[in-house]
PDB file of N, CA and C in Angstrom:
ATOM      1  N   UNK A   1       0.623  -1.107  -0.268  1.00  0.00           N
ATOM      2  CA  UNK A   1       0.011   0.245   0.307  1.00  0.00           C
ATOM      3  C   UNK A   1       0.572   1.520  -0.304  1.00  0.00           C
ATOM      4  N   UNK A   2       0.624   2.424  -0.633  1.00  0.00           N
ATOM      5  CA  UNK A   2       1.432   3.709  -0.797  1.00  0.00           C
ATOM      6  C   UNK A   2       0.356   4.515  -0.475  1.00  0.00           C
ATOM      7  N   UNK A   3       0.832   4.861   0.305  1.00  0.00           N
ATOM      8  CA  UNK A   3       0.697   6.407   0.802  1.00  0.00           C
ATOM      9  C   UNK A   3       1.467   7.779   0.275  1.00  0.00           C
ATOM     10  N   UNK A   4       0.339   8.399  -0.581  1.00  0.00           N
ATOM     11  CA  UNK A   4       0.888   9.689  -0.791  1.00  0.00           C
ATOM     12  C   UNK A   4       0.147  11.141  -0.155  1.00  0.00           C
ATOM     13  N   UNK A   5       1.240  12.052   0.032  1.00  0.00           N
ATOM     14  CA  UNK A   5       0.510  13.707   0.560  1.00  0.00           C
ATOM     15  C   UNK A   5       1.386  14.402   0.084  1.00  0.00           C
ATOM     16  N   UNK A   6       0.225  14.990  -0.493  1.00  0.00           N
ATOM     17  CA  UNK A   6       0.511  16.199  -1.156  1.00  0.00           C
ATOM     18  C   UNK A   6       1.113  17.782   0.076  1.00  0.00           C
ATOM     19  N   UNK A   7       1.661  18.479  -0.916  1.00  0.00           N
ATOM     20  CA  UNK A   7       1.726  19.536   0.161  1.00  0.00           C
ATOM     21  C   UNK A   7       2.157  20.933  -0.787  1.00  0.00           C
ATOM     22  N   UNK A   8       2.227  21.809  -0.551  1.00  0.00           N
ATOM     23  CA  UNK A   8       2.718  23.454  -1.351  1.00  0.00           C
ATOM     24  C   UNK A   8       1.308  23.575  -1.636  1.00  0.00           C
ATOM     25  N   UNK A   9       0.010  23.601  -1.711  1.00  0.00           N
ATOM     26  CA  UNK A   9      -1.403  24.707  -1.911  1.00  0.00           C
ATOM     27  C   UNK A   9      -1.148  25.494  -0.897  1.00  0.00           C
ATOM     28  N   UNK A  10      -2.120  26.694  -1.670  1.00  0.00           N
ATOM     29  CA  UNK A  10      -2.277  27.700  -0.761  1.00  0.00           C
ATOM     30  C   UNK A  10      -2.931  29.178  -1.154  1.00  0.00           C
ATOM     31  N   UNK A  11      -3.152  29.501  -0.696  1.00  0.00           N
ATOM     32  CA  UNK A  11      -3.634  30.997  -1.374  1.00  0.00           C
ATOM     33  C   UNK A  11      -2.685  32.092  -2.085  1.00  0.00           C
ATOM     34  N   UNK A  12      -2.880  32.257  -3.412  1.00  0.00           N
ATOM     35  CA  UNK A  12      -2.195  33.224  -4.129  1.00  0.00           C
ATOM     36  C   UNK A  12      -3.054  33.923  -5.099  1.00  0.00           C
ATOM     37  N   UNK A  13      -2.018  35.105  -5.760  1.00  0.00           N
ATOM     38  CA  UNK A  13      -2.322  35.976  -6.354  1.00  0.00           C
ATOM     39  C   UNK A  13      -2.507  35.547  -8.295  1.00  0.00           C
ATOM     40  N   UNK A  14      -3.239  36.017  -8.709  1.00  0.00           N
ATOM     41  CA  UNK A  14      -2.977  35.553 -10.299  1.00  0.00           C
ATOM     42  C   UNK A  14      -1.667  36.202 -10.652  1.00  0.00           C
ATOM     43  N   UNK A  15      -1.003  35.279 -11.461  1.00  0.00           N
ATOM     44  CA  UNK A  15       0.324  35.468 -12.414  1.00  0.00           C
ATOM     45  C   UNK A  15       1.697  34.856 -11.097  1.00  0.00           C
ATOM     46  N   UNK A  16       0.858  34.466  -9.722  1.00  0.00           N
ATOM     47  CA  UNK A  16       2.552  33.999  -8.699  1.00  0.00           C
ATOM     48  C   UNK A  16       2.214  32.392  -9.448  1.00  0.00           C
ATOM     49  N   UNK A  17       3.492  32.307  -8.729  1.00  0.00           N
ATOM     50  CA  UNK A  17       3.222  30.272  -8.927  1.00  0.00           C
ATOM     51  C   UNK A  17       3.881  29.642  -7.458  1.00  0.00           C
ATOM     52  N   UNK A  18       4.080  28.359  -7.464  1.00  0.00           N
ATOM     53  CA  UNK A  18       3.600  27.414  -6.759  1.00  0.00           C
ATOM     54  C   UNK A  18       4.075  26.116  -6.827  1.00  0.00           C
ATOM     55  N   UNK A  19       4.648  25.406  -6.317  1.00  0.00           N
ATOM     56  CA  UNK A  19       5.187  23.942  -6.242  1.00  0.00           C
ATOM     57  C   UNK A  19       4.662  23.209  -5.665  1.00  0.00           C
ATOM     58  N   UNK A  20       3.900  22.462  -5.963  1.00  0.00           N
ATOM     59  CA  UNK A  20       3.156  21.267  -5.073  1.00  0.00           C
ATOM     60  C   UNK A  20       4.440  20.039  -5.260  1.00  0.00           C
ATOM     61  N   UNK A  21       4.214  19.775  -3.972  1.00  0.00           N
ATOM     62  CA  UNK A  21       5.160  18.059  -3.703  1.00  0.00           C
ATOM     63  C   UNK A  21       3.676  17.137  -3.331  1.00  0.00           C
ATOM     64  N   UNK A  22       4.712  15.621  -4.107  1.00  0.00           N
ATOM     65  CA  UNK A  22       3.899  14.318  -3.385  1.00  0.00           C
ATOM     66  C   UNK A  22       4.311  13.604  -3.107  1.00  0.00           C
ATOM     67  N   UNK A  23       4.886  13.202  -1.712  1.00  0.00           N
ATOM     68  CA  UNK A  23       5.832  12.619  -1.152  1.00  0.00           C
ATOM     69  C   UNK A  23       5.119  10.963  -0.687  1.00  0.00           C
ATOM     70  N   UNK A  24       6.252   9.953  -0.923  1.00  0.00           N
ATOM     71  CA  UNK A  24       5.202   8.652  -1.255  1.00  0.00           C
ATOM     72  C   UNK A  24       5.840   7.833   0.278  1.00  0.00           C
ATOM     73  N   UNK A  25       5.260   7.125   0.979  1.00  0.00           N
ATOM     74  CA  UNK A  25       5.810   6.076   1.719  1.00  0.00           C
ATOM     75  C   UNK A  25       6.522   5.559   1.529  1.00  0.00           C
ATOM     76  N   UNK A  26       6.357   4.490   0.919  1.00  0.00           N
ATOM     77  CA  UNK A  26       7.538   3.366   0.186  1.00  0.00           C
ATOM     78  C   UNK A  26       8.047   3.484  -0.642  1.00  0.00           C
ATOM     79  N   UNK A  27       9.407   3.166  -0.568  1.00  0.00           N
ATOM     80  CA  UNK A  27      10.325   2.932  -1.925  1.00  0.00           C
ATOM     81  C   UNK A  27       9.970   2.770  -2.793  1.00  0.00           C
ATOM     82  N   UNK A  28       8.868   1.787  -3.099  1.00  0.00           N
ATOM     83  CA  UNK A  28       8.434   0.960  -4.540  1.00  0.00           C
ATOM     84  C   UNK A  28       7.699   2.165  -5.042  1.00  0.00           C
ATOM     85  N   UNK A  29       7.972   3.346  -4.019  1.00  0.00           N
ATOM     86  CA  UNK A  29       6.997   4.554  -5.062  1.00  0.00           C
ATOM     87  C   UNK A  29       7.707   4.955  -6.717  1.00  0.00           C
ATOM     88  N   UNK A  30       8.952   4.360  -6.315  1.00  0.00           N
ATOM     89  CA  UNK A  30      10.058   5.201  -7.495  1.00  0.00           C
ATOM     90  C   UNK A  30       9.599   4.220  -9.040  1.00  0.00           C
ATOM     91  N   UNK A  31       9.032   2.760  -8.757  1.00  0.00           N
ATOM     92  CA  UNK A  31       8.770   2.428  -9.816  1.00  0.00           C
ATOM     93  C   UNK A  31       7.077   2.167 -10.284  1.00  0.00           C
ATOM     94  N   UNK A  32       6.534   3.574 -10.074  1.00  0.00           N
ATOM     95  CA  UNK A  32       5.225   3.980 -10.294  1.00  0.00           C
ATOM     96  C   UNK A  32       4.968   5.019 -10.919  1.00  0.00           C
ATOM     97  N   UNK A  33       4.465   5.119 -11.921  1.00  0.00           N
ATOM     98  CA  UNK A  33       4.089   6.267 -12.771  1.00  0.00           C
ATOM     99  C   UNK A  33       2.936   7.139 -11.617  1.00  0.00           C
ATOM    100  N   UNK A  34       3.004   8.192 -11.794  1.00  0.00           N
ATOM    101  CA  UNK A  34       2.493   9.604 -11.458  1.00  0.00           C
ATOM    102  C   UNK A  34       1.831  10.262 -11.795  1.00  0.00           C
ATOM    103  N   UNK A  35       0.569  10.208 -11.267  1.00  0.00           N
ATOM    104  CA  UNK A  35       0.058  11.538 -12.228  1.00  0.00           C
ATOM    105  C   UNK A  35      -0.546  12.971 -11.205  1.00  0.00           C
ATOM    106  N   UNK A  36      -0.774  13.655 -11.687  1.00  0.00           N
ATOM    107  CA  UNK A  36      -1.510  14.893 -11.146  1.00  0.00           C
ATOM    108  C   UNK A  36      -2.915  15.257 -11.639  1.00  0.00           C
ATOM    109  N   UNK A  37      -3.735  15.434 -10.957  1.00  0.00           N
ATOM    110  CA  UNK A  37      -5.070  15.780 -10.914  1.00  0.00           C
ATOM    111  C   UNK A  37      -5.706  16.701 -10.374  1.00  0.00           C
ATOM    112  N   UNK A  38      -6.556  17.606 -11.020  1.00  0.00           N
ATOM    113  CA  UNK A  38      -7.341  18.761  -9.783  1.00  0.00           C
ATOM    114  C   UNK A  38      -8.421  18.633 -10.329  1.00  0.00           C
ATOM    115  N   UNK A  39      -9.673  19.192  -9.151  1.00  0.00           N
ATOM    116  CA  UNK A  39     -10.965  19.402  -9.056  1.00  0.00           C
ATOM    117  C   UNK A  39     -11.421  20.396  -8.336  1.00  0.00           C
ATOM    118  N   UNK A  40     -11.999  21.149  -9.723  1.00  0.00           N
ATOM    119  CA  UNK A  40     -12.911  22.426  -8.978  1.00  0.00           C
ATOM    120  C   UNK A  40     -14.364  22.168  -8.576  1.00  0.00           C
ATOM    121  N   UNK A  41     -14.534  23.220  -7.422  1.00  0.00           N
ATOM    122  CA  UNK A  41     -16.100  22.824  -7.178  1.00  0.00           C
ATOM    123  C   UNK A  41     -17.230  22.430  -7.765  1.00  0.00           C
ATOM    124  N   UNK A  42     -18.013  21.742  -7.676  1.00  0.00           N
ATOM    125  CA  UNK A  42     -19.126  21.495  -8.839  1.00  0.00           C
ATOM    126  C   UNK A  42     -18.501  20.741 -10.491  1.00  0.00           C
ATOM    127  N   UNK A  43     -17.028  20.072 -10.652  1.00  0.00           N
ATOM    128  CA  UNK A  43     -16.743  19.686 -11.815  1.00  0.00           C
ATOM    129  C   UNK A  43     -16.195  18.733 -11.418  1.00  0.00           C
ATOM    130  N   UNK A  44     -15.711  17.646 -12.276  1.00  0.00           N
ATOM    131  CA  UNK A  44     -15.164  16.489 -12.053  1.00  0.00           C
ATOM    132  C   UNK A  44     -13.370  16.434 -12.252  1.00  0.00           C
ATOM    133  N   UNK A  45     -13.046  15.332 -11.871  1.00  0.00           N
ATOM    134  CA  UNK A  45     -11.597  15.513 -11.186  1.00  0.00           C
ATOM    135  C   UNK A  45     -10.960  15.318 -13.237  1.00  0.00           C
ATOM    136  N   UNK A  46      -9.971  16.392 -13.315  1.00  0.00           N
ATOM    137  CA  UNK A  46      -9.227  16.347 -14.478  1.00  0.00           C
ATOM    138  C   UNK A  46      -8.066  16.232 -14.473  1.00  0.00           C
ATOM    139  N   UNK A  47      -7.806  15.592 -15.759  1.00  0.00           N
ATOM    140  CA  UNK A  47      -6.059  15.408 -15.436  1.00  0.00           C
ATOM    141  C   UNK A  47      -4.947  16.669 -16.113  1.00  0.00           C
ATOM    142  N   UNK A  48      -3.979  16.447 -15.090  1.00  0.00           N
ATOM    143  CA  UNK A  48      -3.164  17.653 -15.333  1.00  0.00           C
ATOM    144  C   UNK A  48      -2.072  17.395 -15.294  1.00  0.00           C
ATOM    145  N   UNK A  49      -1.234  16.334 -15.044  1.00  0.00           N
ATOM    146  CA  UNK A  49       0.086  15.879 -15.738  1.00  0.00           C
ATOM    147  C   UNK A  49       0.511  14.553 -15.356  1.00  0.00           C
ATOM    148  N   UNK A  50       1.515  13.830 -16.087  1.00  0.00           N
ATOM    149  CA  UNK A  50       1.904  12.492 -15.318  1.00  0.00           C
ATOM    150  C   UNK A  50       3.131  12.410 -16.068  1.00  0.00           C
ATOM    151  N   UNK A  51       3.840  11.737 -14.923  1.00  0.00           N
ATOM    152  CA  UNK A  51       5.088  11.108 -15.258  1.00  0.00           C
ATOM    153  C   UNK A  51       5.455  10.046 -15.028  1.00  0.00           C
ATOM    154  N   UNK A  52       6.319   9.713 -16.341  1.00  0.00           N
ATOM    155  CA  UNK A  52       6.905   7.791 -16.163  1.00  0.00           C
ATOM    156  C   UNK A  52       7.517   7.611 -14.410  1.00  0.00           C
ATOM    157  N   UNK A  53       8.227   6.372 -14.147  1.00  0.00           N
ATOM    158  CA  UNK A  53       8.778   6.612 -13.095  1.00  0.00           C
ATOM    159  C   UNK A  53      10.118   6.574 -13.320  1.00  0.00           C
ATOM    160  N   UNK A  54      11.253   6.405 -14.086  1.00  0.00           N
ATOM    161  CA  UNK A  54      11.727   7.347 -14.683  1.00  0.00           C
ATOM    162  C   UNK A  54      12.377   8.229 -14.683  1.00  0.00           C
ATOM    163  N   UNK A  55      11.293   8.742 -14.825  1.00  0.00           N
ATOM    164  CA  UNK A  55      11.141  10.275 -15.146  1.00  0.00           C
ATOM    165  C   UNK A  55      11.310  11.003 -16.990  1.00  0.00           C
ATOM    166  N   UNK A  56      11.274   9.978 -17.272  1.00  0.00           N
ATOM    167  CA  UNK A  56      11.754  10.010 -18.971  1.00  0.00           C
ATOM    168  C   UNK A  56      10.931  10.360 -19.787  1.00  0.00           C
ATOM    169  N   UNK A  57       9.693  10.074 -19.084  1.00  0.00           N
ATOM    170  CA  UNK A  57       8.386  10.781 -20.405  1.00  0.00           C
ATOM    171  C   UNK A  57       7.447  11.479 -19.652  1.00  0.00           C
ATOM    172  N   UNK A  58       7.359  12.532 -19.827  1.00  0.00           N
ATOM    173  CA  UNK A  58       6.180  13.245 -19.144  1.00  0.00           C
ATOM    174  C   UNK A  58       4.750  13.201 -20.583  1.00  0.00           C
ATOM    175  N   UNK A  59       4.102  13.999 -19.894  1.00  0.00           N
ATOM    176  CA  UNK A  59       2.332  14.562 -20.096  1.00  0.00           C
ATOM    177  C   UNK A  59       1.896  15.297 -19.420  1.00  0.00           C
ATOM    178  N   UNK A  60       1.868  16.696 -19.790  1.00  0.00           N
ATOM    179  CA  UNK A  60       1.112  17.727 -19.320  1.00  0.00           C
ATOM    180  C   UNK A  60      -0.451  18.048 -20.601  1.00  0.00           C
ATOM    181  N   UNK A  61      -1.388  18.168 -19.829  1.00  0.00           N
ATOM    182  CA  UNK A  61      -2.676  18.970 -19.995  1.00  0.00           C
ATOM    183  C   UNK A  61      -2.459  20.110 -20.728  1.00  0.00           C
ATOM    184  N   UNK A  62      -2.852  20.222 -22.087  1.00  0.00           N
ATOM    185  CA  UNK A  62      -2.849  21.149 -23.369  1.00  0.00           C
ATOM    186  C   UNK A  62      -3.094  22.358 -22.118  1.00  0.00           C
ATOM    187  N   UNK A  63      -4.295  22.607 -21.471  1.00  0.00           N
ATOM    188  CA  UNK A  63      -4.667  23.707 -20.846  1.00  0.00           C
ATOM    189  C   UNK A  63      -3.633  24.408 -20.291  1.00  0.00           C
ATOM    190  N   UNK A  64      -2.902  23.786 -19.808  1.00  0.00           N
ATOM    191  CA  UNK A  64      -1.739  24.473 -18.777  1.00  0.00           C
ATOM    192  C   UNK A  64      -0.201  23.959 -19.337  1.00  0.00           C
ATOM    193  N   UNK A  65      -0.327  23.526 -20.407  1.00  0.00           N
ATOM    194  CA  UNK A  65       0.908  23.107 -20.457  1.00  0.00           C
ATOM    195  C   UNK A  65       2.334  24.009 -20.841  1.00  0.00           C
ATOM    196  N   UNK A  66       1.706  24.892 -21.168  1.00  0.00           N
ATOM    197  CA  UNK A  66       2.836  26.029 -21.088  1.00  0.00           C
ATOM    198  C   UNK A  66       2.757  26.661 -19.917  1.00  0.00           C
ATOM    199  N   UNK A  67       2.503  26.019 -18.862  1.00  0.00           N
ATOM    200  CA  UNK A  67       2.905  27.172 -17.443  1.00  0.00           C
ATOM    201  C   UNK A  67       3.103  25.820 -16.301  1.00  0.00           C
ATOM    202  N   UNK A  68       2.642  24.954 -16.914  1.00  0.00           N
ATOM    203  CA  UNK A  68       2.818  23.555 -15.721  1.00  0.00           C
ATOM    204  C   UNK A  68       4.182  23.150 -15.910  1.00  0.00           C
ATOM    205  N   UNK A  69       4.736  22.076 -15.117  1.00  0.00           N
ATOM    206  CA  UNK A  69       6.280  21.122 -15.268  1.00  0.00           C
ATOM    207  C   UNK A  69       5.550  19.960 -14.196  1.00  0.00           C
ATOM    208  N   UNK A  70       5.666  18.792 -14.494  1.00  0.00           N
ATOM    209  CA  UNK A  70       5.957  17.656 -13.705  1.00  0.00           C
ATOM    210  C   UNK A  70       7.157  17.475 -13.775  1.00  0.00           C
ATOM    211  N   UNK A  71       7.939  16.600 -11.982  1.00  0.00           N
ATOM    212  CA  UNK A  71       9.490  16.204 -12.739  1.00  0.00           C
ATOM    213  C   UNK A  71       9.214  14.954 -11.000  1.00  0.00           C
ATOM    214  N   UNK A  72      10.387  14.477 -11.186  1.00  0.00           N
ATOM    215  CA  UNK A  72      10.243  13.977  -9.935  1.00  0.00           C
ATOM    216  C   UNK A  72      11.743  13.430  -9.338  1.00  0.00           C
ATOM    217  N   UNK A  73      11.918  13.198  -7.646  1.00  0.00           N
ATOM    218  CA  UNK A  73      13.520  12.996  -7.856  1.00  0.00           C
ATOM    219  C   UNK A  73      12.933  11.600  -6.802  1.00  0.00           C
ATOM    220  N   UNK A  74      13.094  10.390  -7.395  1.00  0.00           N
ATOM    221  CA  UNK A  74      12.970   9.342  -6.643  1.00  0.00           C
ATOM    222  C   UNK A  74      13.851   9.029  -5.541  1.00  0.00           C
ATOM    223  N   UNK A  75      14.856   9.582  -5.373  1.00  0.00           N
ATOM    224  CA  UNK A  75      15.892   9.628  -3.966  1.00  0.00           C
ATOM    225  C   UNK A  75      15.164   9.814  -3.082  1.00  0.00           C
ATOM    226  N   UNK A  76      14.281  10.694  -3.287  1.00  0.00           N
ATOM    227  CA  UNK A  76      13.475  11.351  -2.103  1.00  0.00           C
ATOM    228  C   UNK A  76      11.598  11.124  -1.857  1.00  0.00           C
ATOM    229  N   UNK A  77      11.373   9.932  -2.732  1.00  0.00           N
ATOM    230  CA  UNK A  77       9.978   9.328  -3.233  1.00  0.00           C
ATOM    231  C   UNK A  77       9.528  10.955  -3.465  1.00  0.00           C
ATOM    232  N   UNK A  78       9.332  11.787  -4.218  1.00  0.00           N
ATOM    233  CA  UNK A  78       8.819  12.941  -4.484  1.00  0.00           C
ATOM    234  C   UNK A  78       8.486  13.261  -5.936  1.00  0.00           C
ATOM    235  N   UNK A  79       7.352  13.426  -6.019  1.00  0.00           N
ATOM    236  CA  UNK A  79       6.762  14.162  -7.304  1.00  0.00           C
ATOM    237  C   UNK A  79       6.692  15.376  -7.214  1.00  0.00           C
ATOM    238  N   UNK A  80       7.202  16.712  -8.624  1.00  0.00           N
ATOM    239  CA  UNK A  80       6.596  17.656  -7.749  1.00  0.00           C
ATOM    240  C   UNK A  80       5.621  18.543  -9.225  1.00  0.00           C
ATOM    241  N   UNK A  81       5.226  19.231  -8.702  1.00  0.00           N
ATOM    242  CA  UNK A  81       4.041  20.120  -9.816  1.00  0.00           C
ATOM    243  C   UNK A  81       4.333  21.269  -9.785  1.00  0.00           C
ATOM    244  N   UNK A  82       5.256  21.657 -10.815  1.00  0.00           N
ATOM    245  CA  UNK A  82       5.296  23.425 -10.834  1.00  0.00           C
ATOM    246  C   UNK A  82       4.324  23.906 -11.636  1.00  0.00           C
ATOM    247  N   UNK A  83       3.883  25.039 -10.908  1.00  0.00           N
ATOM    248  CA  UNK A  83       2.626  25.890 -11.758  1.00  0.00           C
ATOM    249  C   UNK A  83       3.347  27.209 -11.585  1.00  0.00           C
ATOM    250  N   UNK A  84       2.902  27.731 -12.977  1.00  0.00           N
ATOM    251  CA  UNK A  84       3.450  29.206 -13.222  1.00  0.00           C
ATOM    252  C   UNK A  84       2.903  30.122 -13.599  1.00  0.00           C
ATOM    253  N   UNK A  85       2.747  31.190 -13.243  1.00  0.00           N
ATOM    254  CA  UNK A  85       1.699  31.750 -14.035  1.00  0.00           C
ATOM    255  C   UNK A  85       0.115  31.545 -13.441  1.00  0.00           C
ATOM    256  N   UNK A  86      -0.150  31.345 -12.145  1.00  0.00           N
ATOM    257  CA  UNK A  86      -1.403  31.088 -12.220  1.00  0.00           C
ATOM    258  C   UNK A  86      -2.513  31.816 -12.469  1.00  0.00           C
ATOM    259  N   UNK A  87      -3.394  31.361 -12.636  1.00  0.00           N
ATOM    260  CA  UNK A  87      -4.548  32.222 -13.105  1.00  0.00           C
ATOM    261  C   UNK A  87      -5.643  31.860 -12.373  1.00  0.00           C
ATOM    262  N   UNK A  88      -7.278  32.650 -11.974  1.00  0.00           N
ATOM    263  CA  UNK A  88      -8.233  32.004 -11.086  1.00  0.00           C
ATOM    264  C   UNK A  88      -8.610  30.636 -11.477  1.00  0.00           C
ATOM    265  N   UNK A  89      -8.844  30.375 -13.251  1.00  0.00           N
ATOM    266  CA  UNK A  89      -9.243  29.101 -13.023  1.00  0.00           C
ATOM    267  C   UNK A  89      -8.340  27.772 -12.955  1.00  0.00           C
ATOM    268  N   UNK A  90      -7.581  27.960 -12.401  1.00  0.00           N
ATOM    269  CA  UNK A  90      -7.003  27.134 -11.584  1.00  0.00           C
ATOM    270  C   UNK A  90      -7.323  26.835  -9.930  1.00  0.00           C
ATOM    271  N   UNK A  91      -7.917  27.262  -9.501  1.00  0.00           N
ATOM    272  CA  UNK A  91      -8.605  26.702  -8.313  1.00  0.00           C
ATOM    273  C   UNK A  91      -9.097  25.792  -8.285  1.00  0.00           C
ATOM    274  N   UNK A  92      -8.548  24.875  -7.454  1.00  0.00           N
ATOM    275  CA  UNK A  92      -9.198  23.765  -7.521  1.00  0.00           C
ATOM    276  C   UNK A  92      -8.421  22.718  -6.096  1.00  0.00           C
ATOM    277  N   UNK A  93      -8.969  21.376  -6.105  1.00  0.00           N
ATOM    278  CA  UNK A  93      -8.052  20.615  -5.220  1.00  0.00           C
ATOM    279  C   UNK A  93      -7.327  19.814  -6.129  1.00  0.00           C
ATOM    280  N   UNK A  94      -6.123  20.003  -5.817  1.00  0.00           N
ATOM    281  CA  UNK A  94      -5.027  19.010  -6.433  1.00  0.00           C
ATOM    282  C   UNK A  94      -4.613  18.123  -6.050  1.00  0.00           C
ATOM    283  N   UNK A  95      -4.536  16.332  -6.448  1.00  0.00           N
ATOM    284  CA  UNK A  95      -4.583  15.276  -6.280  1.00  0.00           C
ATOM    285  C   UNK A  95      -3.413  14.860  -6.967  1.00  0.00           C
ATOM    286  N   UNK A  96      -2.438  14.051  -6.187  1.00  0.00           N
ATOM    287  CA  UNK A  96      -1.534  13.220  -6.630  1.00  0.00           C
ATOM    288  C   UNK A  96      -1.883  11.711  -6.909  1.00  0.00           C
ATOM    289  N   UNK A  97      -1.665  10.936  -7.980  1.00  0.00           N
ATOM    290  CA  UNK A  97      -2.003   9.429  -7.872  1.00  0.00           C
ATOM    291  C   UNK A  97      -0.854   8.883  -8.313  1.00  0.00           C
ATOM    292  N   UNK A  98      -0.612   7.027  -7.589  1.00  0.00           N
ATOM    293  CA  UNK A  98       0.265   6.466  -8.496  1.00  0.00           C
ATOM    294  C   UNK A  98      -0.575   5.360  -8.756  1.00  0.00           C
ATOM    295  N   UNK A  99       0.271   4.401  -9.933  1.00  0.00           N
ATOM    296  CA  UNK A  99      -0.806   3.257 -10.629  1.00  0.00           C
ATOM    297  C   UNK A  99       0.504   2.773 -11.451  1.00  0.00           C
ATOM    298  N   UNK A 100       0.692   1.592 -11.915  1.00  0.00           N
ATOM    299  CA  UNK A 100       1.271   0.968 -12.476  1.00  0.00           C
ATOM    300  C   UNK A 100       1.329   1.152 -13.351  1.00  0.00           C
ATOM    301  N   UNK A 101       0.532   1.463 -14.504  1.00  0.00           N
ATOM    302  CA  UNK A 101       0.407   2.248 -16.352  1.00  0.00           C
ATOM    303  C   UNK A 101       0.859   3.735 -16.381  1.00  0.00           C
ATOM    304  N   UNK A 102       0.361   4.185 -17.216  1.00  0.00           N
ATOM    305  CA  UNK A 102       0.063   4.920 -18.019  1.00  0.00           C
ATOM    306  C   UNK A 102      -1.132   5.861 -18.482  1.00  0.00           C
ATOM    307  N   UNK A 103      -1.427   6.929 -18.248  1.00  0.00           N
ATOM    308  CA  UNK A 103      -2.763   7.404 -18.760  1.00  0.00           C
ATOM    309  C   UNK A 103      -3.080   8.521 -18.180  1.00  0.00           C
ATOM    310  N   UNK A 104      -4.492   9.436 -18.571  1.00  0.00           N
ATOM    311  CA  UNK A 104      -4.743  10.630 -18.119  1.00  0.00           C
ATOM    312  C   UNK A 104      -5.880  10.317 -17.609  1.00  0.00           C
ATOM    313  N   UNK A 105      -6.648   8.840 -17.497  1.00  0.00           N
ATOM    314  CA  UNK A 105      -7.528   8.835 -16.449  1.00  0.00           C
ATOM    315  C   UNK A 105      -7.335   8.257 -15.324  1.00  0.00           C
ATOM    316  N   UNK A 106      -8.697   8.611 -14.559  1.00  0.00           N
ATOM    317  CA  UNK A 106      -8.276   8.634 -12.827  1.00  0.00           C
ATOM    318  C   UNK A 106      -8.780   6.880 -12.962  1.00  0.00           C
ATOM    319  N   UNK A 107      -8.973   6.235 -13.811  1.00  0.00           N
ATOM    320  CA  UNK A 107      -8.778   4.606 -13.767  1.00  0.00           C
ATOM    321  C   UNK A 107      -7.528   4.186 -13.901  1.00  0.00           C
ATOM    322  N   UNK A 108      -6.625   4.474 -14.255  1.00  0.00           N
ATOM    323  CA  UNK A 108      -5.388   4.527 -14.519  1.00  0.00           C
ATOM    324  C   UNK A 108      -4.642   4.262 -13.482  1.00  0.00           C
ATOM    325  N   UNK A 109      -5.263   4.812 -12.006  1.00  0.00           N
ATOM    326  CA  UNK A 109      -4.427   4.717 -10.858  1.00  0.00           C
ATOM    327  C   UNK A 109      -5.029   4.172  -9.604  1.00  0.00           C
ATOM    328  N   UNK A 110      -4.107   3.445  -8.913  1.00  0.00           N
ATOM    329  CA  UNK A 110      -4.326   2.411  -7.829  1.00  0.00           C
ATOM    330  C   UNK A 110      -4.137   3.291  -6.679  1.00  0.00           C
ATOM    331  N   UNK A 111      -3.332   4.587  -6.397  1.00  0.00           N
ATOM    332  CA  UNK A 111      -3.107   5.400  -5.257  1.00  0.00           C
ATOM    333  C   UNK A 111      -3.317   6.611  -5.073  1.00  0.00           C
ATOM    334  N   UNK A 112      -4.304   6.746  -4.118  1.00  0.00           N
ATOM    335  CA  UNK A 112      -4.492   8.598  -3.990  1.00  0.00           C
ATOM    336  C   UNK A 112      -4.092   9.326  -3.128  1.00  0.00           C
ATOM    337  N   UNK A 113      -3.799  10.566  -3.080  1.00  0.00           N
ATOM    338  CA  UNK A 113      -3.777  11.449  -1.843  1.00  0.00           C
ATOM    339  C   UNK A 113      -4.427  11.901  -1.832  1.00  0.00           C
ATOM    340  N   UNK A 114      -4.776  12.721  -0.125  1.00  0.00           N
ATOM    341  CA  UNK A 114      -5.952  13.408   0.566  1.00  0.00           C
ATOM    342  C   UNK A 114      -5.961  14.847  -0.681  1.00  0.00           C
ATOM    343  N   UNK A 115      -5.282  15.242  -1.043  1.00  0.00           N
ATOM    344  CA  UNK A 115      -5.270  16.730  -1.803  1.00  0.00           C
ATOM    345  C   UNK A 115      -4.837  17.514  -1.237  1.00  0.00           C
ATOM    346  N   UNK A 116      -4.467  19.171  -1.936  1.00  0.00           N
ATOM    347  CA  UNK A 116      -4.071  20.101  -0.987  1.00  0.00           C
ATOM    348  C   UNK A 116      -4.813  21.297  -2.558  1.00  0.00           C
ATOM    349  N   UNK A 117      -5.267  21.846  -0.996  1.00  0.00           N
ATOM    350  CA  UNK A 117      -6.103  23.074  -1.994  1.00  0.00           C
ATOM    351  C   UNK A 117      -5.149  24.405  -2.800  1.00  0.00           C
ATOM    352  N   UNK A 118      -5.538  24.515  -3.634  1.00  0.00           N
ATOM    353  CA  UNK A 118      -4.710  25.896  -4.578  1.00  0.00           C
ATOM    354  C   UNK A 118      -5.628  26.749  -4.788  1.00  0.00           C
ATOM    355  N   UNK A 119      -5.619  28.148  -4.571  1.00  0.00           N
ATOM    356  CA  UNK A 119      -6.481  29.285  -4.518  1.00  0.00           C
ATOM    357  C   UNK A 119      -6.082  30.216  -4.977  1.00  0.00           C
ATOM    358  N   UNK A 120      -6.363  30.344  -6.210  1.00  0.00           N
ATOM    359  CA  UNK A 120      -5.767  31.878  -6.803  1.00  0.00           C
ATOM    360  C   UNK A 120      -6.903  32.911  -6.872  1.00  0.00           C
ATOM    361  N   UNK A 121      -6.518  33.991  -6.370  1.00  0.00           N
ATOM    362  CA  UNK A 121      -7.403  35.210  -6.353  1.00  0.00           C
ATOM    363  C   UNK A 121      -7.017  35.870  -7.833  1.00  0.00           C
ATOM    364  N   UNK A 122      -7.908  36.687  -8.082  1.00  0.00           N
ATOM    365  CA  UNK A 122      -7.628  37.853  -9.321  1.00  0.00           C
ATOM    366  C   UNK A 122      -7.320  38.896  -8.836  1.00  0.00           C
TER     367      UNK A 122
END
């Protein structure tokens, strides 16, 4: 069982940056694909970014591709989501998830964190 803990969220102004972290409890975390998703009030959870266990392949949603970057440090059992030029539309709870496959669907992931709130004011 992999336990994931997100951190780094908060209240920021439009144009600011945040770096979210997803820390895992198990060393085997380094073998998992890790994705970031977000869910705004009243909306479905949507894909944001994903990275393979080696870090050699990433995919970022078109809606944030020019502003968000995903990376990982397996020595620290941590995956990061760097978010720049934040907009009010980025306001959501951000979740990280781990799984053995690859994909943009929530069904591709077996383990989920509790989420961290990101609020962007105008």
